Amino acid sequence: MSQGKGACRRIRGPSRTNPNVIVDDLLTPCSPGDPAAIEMTWVDVPSDKLLEPVVCMSDMLRSQATTRPTVNAEDLNKVKKFTEDFGQEG
């Protein structure tokens, strides 16, 4: 989830404090369109209730194909100039 509003849904899974106990109140990120979605930010989710989704290679490849760079050529030129002027350690 991003820092803005996202969505989670309640799921059943192993307790975060005792994996031998199954609980019904864990939260996992979901699409806002999920019928069971609860609107919340990631900071609203108690750490002992978060069940991270399993991420597989196809998830990573799909993300890589749709994610745009956050650094442009001008930014890279500024870093290069800084390194030339001050060295890697600054």
C-alpha atoms as a PDB file:
ATOM      1  CA  MET A   1       0.000   0.000   0.000  1.00  0.00           C
ATOM      2  CA  SER A   2       1.128   3.510  -0.632  1.00  0.00           C
ATOM      3  CA  GLN A   3       1.081   6.266   1.966  1.00  0.00           C
ATOM      4  CA  GLY A   4      -2.294   7.485   0.655  1.00  0.00           C
ATOM      5  CA  LYS A   5      -5.560   5.694   1.259  1.00  0.00           C
ATOM      6  CA  GLY A   6      -5.442   2.064   0.285  1.00  0.00           C
ATOM      7  CA  ALA A   7      -7.473  -0.973   1.124  1.00  0.00           C
ATOM      8  CA  CYS A   8      -7.133  -4.132   3.166  1.00  0.00           C
ATOM      9  CA  ARG A   9      -9.419  -7.058   3.770  1.00  0.00           C
ATOM     10  CA  ARG A  10      -9.729  -9.342   6.768  1.00  0.00           C
ATOM     11  CA  ILE A  11      -8.435 -12.859   6.288  1.00  0.00           C
ATOM     12  CA  ARG A  12      -7.890 -16.045   8.253  1.00  0.00           C
ATOM     13  CA  GLY A  13      -4.326 -17.132   8.900  1.00  0.00           C
ATOM     14  CA  PRO A  14      -1.651 -17.978  11.461  1.00  0.00           C
ATOM     15  CA  SER A  15      -1.313 -15.631  14.418  1.00  0.00           C
ATOM     16  CA  ARG A  16       1.712 -13.364  14.181  1.00  0.00           C
ATOM     17  CA  THR A  17       2.587 -14.074  17.823  1.00  0.00           C
ATOM     18  CA  ASN A  18       1.866 -17.835  17.777  1.00  0.00           C
ATOM     19  CA  PRO A  19       1.897 -19.484  14.319  1.00  0.00           C
ATOM     20  CA  ASN A  20       0.224 -22.593  15.773  1.00  0.00           C
ATOM     21  CA  VAL A  21      -2.964 -20.580  16.387  1.00  0.00           C
ATOM     22  CA  ILE A  22      -5.278 -19.632  13.499  1.00  0.00           C
ATOM     23  CA  VAL A  23      -6.982 -16.228  13.799  1.00  0.00           C
ATOM     24  CA  ASP A  24      -9.699 -14.519  11.739  1.00  0.00           C
ATOM     25  CA  ASP A  25      -8.641 -10.897  12.152  1.00  0.00           C
ATOM     26  CA  LEU A  26      -5.520 -10.526  10.022  1.00  0.00           C
ATOM     27  CA  LEU A  27      -5.389  -7.807   7.372  1.00  0.00           C
ATOM     28  CA  THR A  28      -3.852  -8.088   3.912  1.00  0.00           C
ATOM     29  CA  PRO A  29      -3.632  -5.443   1.164  1.00  0.00           C
ATOM     30  CA  CYS A  30      -6.275  -5.724  -1.559  1.00  0.00           C
ATOM     31  CA  SER A  31      -7.778  -3.783  -4.425  1.00  0.00           C
ATOM     32  CA  PRO A  32     -10.112  -0.962  -3.400  1.00  0.00           C
ATOM     33  CA  GLY A  33     -12.682  -2.692  -5.636  1.00  0.00           C
ATOM     34  CA  ASP A  34     -12.622  -5.865  -3.512  1.00  0.00           C
ATOM     35  CA  PRO A  35     -16.117  -6.352  -2.008  1.00  0.00           C
ATOM     36  CA  ALA A  36     -14.509  -6.969   1.403  1.00  0.00           C
ATOM     37  CA  ALA A  37     -12.146  -3.960   1.179  1.00  0.00           C
ATOM     38  CA  ILE A  38     -11.705  -1.753   4.225  1.00  0.00           C
ATOM     39  CA  GLU A  39     -10.308   1.692   3.367  1.00  0.00           C
ATOM     40  CA  MET A  40      -7.202   2.450   5.424  1.00  0.00           C
ATOM     41  CA  THR A  41      -3.603   3.571   5.130  1.00  0.00           C
ATOM     42  CA  TRP A  42      -0.683   1.278   5.890  1.00  0.00           C
ATOM     43  CA  VAL A  43      -0.102   3.092   9.181  1.00  0.00           C
ATOM     44  CA  ASP A  44      -3.652   2.188  10.265  1.00  0.00           C
ATOM     45  CA  VAL A  45      -2.780  -1.528  10.187  1.00  0.00           C
ATOM     46  CA  PRO A  46      -1.467  -2.865  13.515  1.00  0.00           C
ATOM     47  CA  SER A  47       1.839  -4.661  12.883  1.00  0.00           C
ATOM     48  CA  ASP A  48       0.630  -7.819  14.622  1.00  0.00           C
ATOM     49  CA  LYS A  49      -2.392  -7.967  12.277  1.00  0.00           C
ATOM     50  CA  LEU A  50      -0.607  -7.490   8.940  1.00  0.00           C
ATOM     51  CA  LEU A  51      -0.278 -10.573   6.764  1.00  0.00           C
ATOM     52  CA  GLU A  52       1.878  -9.648   3.796  1.00  0.00           C
ATOM     53  CA  PRO A  53       0.805 -11.176   0.482  1.00  0.00           C
ATOM     54  CA  VAL A  54       3.042 -13.754  -1.143  1.00  0.00           C
ATOM     55  CA  VAL A  55       4.981 -12.166  -4.015  1.00  0.00           C
ATOM     56  CA  CYS A  56       6.102 -14.350  -6.908  1.00  0.00           C
ATOM     57  CA  MET A  57       8.320 -13.737  -9.931  1.00  0.00           C
ATOM     58  CA  SER A  58       5.353 -12.970 -12.215  1.00  0.00           C
ATOM     59  CA  ASP A  59       4.313 -10.204  -9.783  1.00  0.00           C
ATOM     60  CA  MET A  60       7.811  -8.717  -9.986  1.00  0.00           C
ATOM     61  CA  LEU A  61       7.905  -8.897 -13.788  1.00  0.00           C
ATOM     62  CA  ARG A  62       4.453  -7.293 -14.108  1.00  0.00           C
ATOM     63  CA  SER A  63       5.531  -4.516 -11.746  1.00  0.00           C
ATOM     64  CA  GLN A  64       8.762  -3.952 -13.643  1.00  0.00           C
ATOM     65  CA  ALA A  65       6.847  -3.688 -16.919  1.00  0.00           C
ATOM     66  CA  THR A  66       4.431  -1.052 -15.607  1.00  0.00           C
ATOM     67  CA  THR A  67       6.603   1.042 -13.267  1.00  0.00           C
ATOM     68  CA  ARG A  68       8.072   4.246 -14.641  1.00  0.00           C
ATOM     69  CA  PRO A  69      11.515   5.496 -13.596  1.00  0.00           C
ATOM     70  CA  THR A  70      11.618   8.100 -10.829  1.00  0.00           C
ATOM     71  CA  VAL A  71      15.050   9.382 -11.852  1.00  0.00           C
ATOM     72  CA  ASN A  72      15.594  11.101 -15.184  1.00  0.00           C
ATOM     73  CA  ALA A  73      18.704  11.788 -17.264  1.00  0.00           C
ATOM     74  CA  GLU A  74      19.077  15.292 -15.794  1.00  0.00           C
ATOM     75  CA  ASP A  75      19.169  13.844 -12.257  1.00  0.00           C
ATOM     76  CA  LEU A  76      21.840  11.333 -13.286  1.00  0.00           C
ATOM     77  CA  ASN A  77      23.935  14.116 -14.832  1.00  0.00           C
ATOM     78  CA  LYS A  78      23.777  16.058 -11.543  1.00  0.00           C
ATOM     79  CA  VAL A  79      25.013  13.009  -9.621  1.00  0.00           C
ATOM     80  CA  LYS A  80      27.796  12.462 -12.148  1.00  0.00           C
ATOM     81  CA  LYS A  81      28.895  16.114 -11.872  1.00  0.00           C
ATOM     82  CA  PHE A  82      28.801  15.959  -8.058  1.00  0.00           C
ATOM     83  CA  THR A  83      30.947  12.812  -8.102  1.00  0.00           C
ATOM     84  CA  GLU A  84      33.421  14.435 -10.493  1.00  0.00           C
ATOM     85  CA  ASP A  85      33.612  17.554  -8.304  1.00  0.00           C
ATOM     86  CA  PHE A  86      33.668  15.962  -4.854  1.00  0.00           C
ATOM     87  CA  GLY A  87      34.359  12.241  -5.281  1.00  0.00           C
ATOM     88  CA  GLN A  88      32.118   9.382  -4.255  1.00  0.00           C
ATOM     89  CA  GLU A  89      32.290  10.145  -0.556  1.00  0.00           C
ATOM     90  CA  GLY A  90      31.510  13.860  -0.982  1.00  0.00           C
END
